[in-house]
Amino acid sequence: MTDSRARVIVQEGPWGFFFLLAYIGAAIYFVSVSDGSFWGVILGLLQAIVWPVYVVYHALVLLGA
């Protein structure tokens, strides 16, 4: 019997690190502009997760799409 398992090497580490830094930066920004309450901080962290959606939306608005 032979071992037919394939070895897969995923080399997406640099992109993961970039997205982690982008999330941390967005979290710092959105938390700093919140009112400082518990739910304001939670909302800031949630906004940091979906900030690329804001960027795409506003870019499409600028393009007139």
Protein backbone atom coordinates (compact mmCIF):
# COMPACT_ATOMS: atom_id res chain seq x y z
CA MET A 1 0.00 0.00 0.00
CA THR A 2 1.36 3.42 -0.89
CA ASP A 3 0.87 6.70 0.88
CA SER A 4 -0.98 8.93 -1.60
CA ARG A 5 -1.22 12.06 0.48
CA ALA A 6 -0.18 15.21 -1.32
CA ARG A 7 1.81 17.96 0.31
CA VAL A 8 0.35 21.44 -0.13
CA ILE A 9 2.43 24.48 0.71
CA VAL A 10 0.49 27.70 1.19
CA GLN A 11 2.59 30.83 0.78
CA GLU A 12 0.12 33.55 1.73
CA GLY A 13 1.87 34.65 4.89
CA PRO A 14 2.92 38.12 3.69
CA TRP A 15 -0.65 38.96 2.61
CA GLY A 16 -2.01 37.75 5.92
CA PHE A 17 0.43 39.99 7.75
CA PHE A 18 -0.54 42.94 5.54
CA PHE A 19 -4.25 42.39 6.25
CA LEU A 20 -3.53 42.06 9.98
CA LEU A 21 -1.74 45.42 9.94
CA ALA A 22 -4.61 46.94 7.95
CA TYR A 23 -7.13 45.62 10.50
CA ILE A 24 -5.12 46.94 13.44
CA GLY A 25 -4.80 50.36 11.80
CA ALA A 26 -8.51 50.48 10.98
CA ALA A 27 -9.40 49.35 14.51
CA ILE A 28 -7.27 52.11 16.01
CA TYR A 29 -8.90 54.68 13.73
CA PHE A 30 -12.52 53.59 14.27
CA VAL A 31 -12.11 53.17 18.02
CA SER A 32 -10.44 56.59 18.29
CA VAL A 33 -13.35 58.32 16.52
CA SER A 34 -15.96 56.50 18.63
CA ASP A 35 -17.49 58.09 21.71
CA GLY A 36 -15.53 55.77 24.02
CA SER A 37 -18.50 53.84 25.34
CA PHE A 38 -18.45 50.04 25.39
CA TRP A 39 -20.80 49.70 22.42
CA GLY A 40 -18.98 52.46 20.57
CA VAL A 41 -15.74 50.49 20.85
CA ILE A 42 -17.49 47.26 19.77
CA LEU A 43 -18.97 49.09 16.77
CA GLY A 44 -15.52 50.47 15.94
CA LEU A 45 -14.03 46.96 15.96
CA LEU A 46 -16.83 45.69 13.72
CA GLN A 47 -16.32 48.59 11.33
CA ALA A 48 -12.63 47.73 11.20
CA ILE A 49 -13.55 44.30 9.86
CA VAL A 50 -15.65 45.66 6.99
CA TRP A 51 -13.79 48.90 6.15
CA PRO A 52 -12.87 47.69 2.63
CA VAL A 53 -16.60 47.74 1.83
CA TYR A 54 -16.66 51.47 2.63
CA VAL A 55 -13.66 52.06 0.36
CA VAL A 56 -15.19 50.17 -2.58
CA TYR A 57 -18.56 51.89 -2.12
CA HIS A 58 -17.07 55.39 -2.08
CA ALA A 59 -14.78 54.59 -5.03
CA LEU A 60 -17.80 53.48 -7.05
CA VAL A 61 -19.68 56.63 -6.06
CA LEU A 62 -16.75 58.74 -7.25
CA LEU A 63 -16.70 56.84 -10.55
CA GLY A 64 -20.42 57.47 -10.97
CA ALA A 65 -21.32 53.79 -11.07
